[in-house]
Amino acid sequence: MISVVIVTKNRAEALREISLPSLLAQKARGDSFEIIVWDATEDESTLSLIEEQKLLFESKGISFSYFKATRPGMTKQRNDSIKAAIGKILFFIDDDSEVSLDGIDAIKECFKKNPRCMGVGLTVKDIPIGSEYRESQPSLKDSFYGLVGYRKKRTVSLSGSAKGISAPPGPAQWLSGCSMAFRREVFDSMSFNEKLETFTPYAMCEDIEFSYRVFKKFKAPLLIADRGMVIHRPKLTDRISGSWQKAATLYYNRYLLMKTTSEESPVLGRLLFLWTFLRLTKRNLREYGLKDTWRGLTMATKEVLKDG
């Protein structure tokens, strides 16, 4: 069985319009997967939606469970939800993830064909709400890469920069948080890094940080499945409130990601991170101004020094 886990907060509309309808329409047998919604909404506004959706899913033989989060935050909610899941595979999606009709079957098939693989994702396309997915023609750059035999892959550099979200199916070093599945045994010894919530409950980079650790620990590539996709329908609602908190999150979370990706070459990783730091500072100054950028940098630096 596959446990599909959605962690959410104050986003009932996304659940109603995007993720849950796509799961209800899956081609997979109803008894081959379950739905778990782990909700940190601050009021009871999602309850009527949940009661309605639960009836729809159970009418198709799909188990649907709802839990009110006692520890709000992306990584905390994901860590807590693992205990309630009964599947041998845990498939994490966002509340604004639209899973293709063959998505569940594609995940299951990929794991079955690749017994050493510990993590699988689906191809991800970012498409705004109201827009339809259309197969795009290869760019001149991609056509040239094909001619010379170059294949784009999802990789992570020593500085923590993740590349290749648009890479075709195949081996990967990281998975996107809106579409990442892992074998249950991964969680016997690993969990999502809750330090990434130091300044905000939205744990930026938690998907890259966790999936890369899985890639390194089990010494086997993660995989993007040959078929199936997730259309990510990003909402306009900002998940991080407070300008200095945003600046601090960018600095600190990227630092934590760099520590993970450069574990075997820490000195080189930190040297390369200086360039990332300069780019983050330029962005923060442009978006949040000098005062909030300085405060964010100060608060992030305090946490870095605590970590040693």
Foldseek 3Di string as FASTA:
>chain_A
DEEEEEEEEPPLVLLQPAALVLVLLAPDQQVQYAYEYEYAYPDCVNVVVLVVSCVSSVVRVHHYYYHYDPDFFDQSSVQVVLVVDDDQKYKYAYSQKRWHNCRVVLVVVVCVVPVLAFKEWAQEAEDAPPDDDDDDDDDPVVVVCVVVVHFAEFDADLLGDTDDSRGAWDFYLFYDRRTMMGGSVVVVPDGFDPVLCVLHSHRPPSRRQRSNLVCVVSVDTYTHGNDIYIYRHDDPDDRDDDLLSVLLSQVQSSVSSSCRSCVVPNVVNVVVNVVVVVVSLVVSCVPPNDVSNVSSVVVNVVVVVVVD
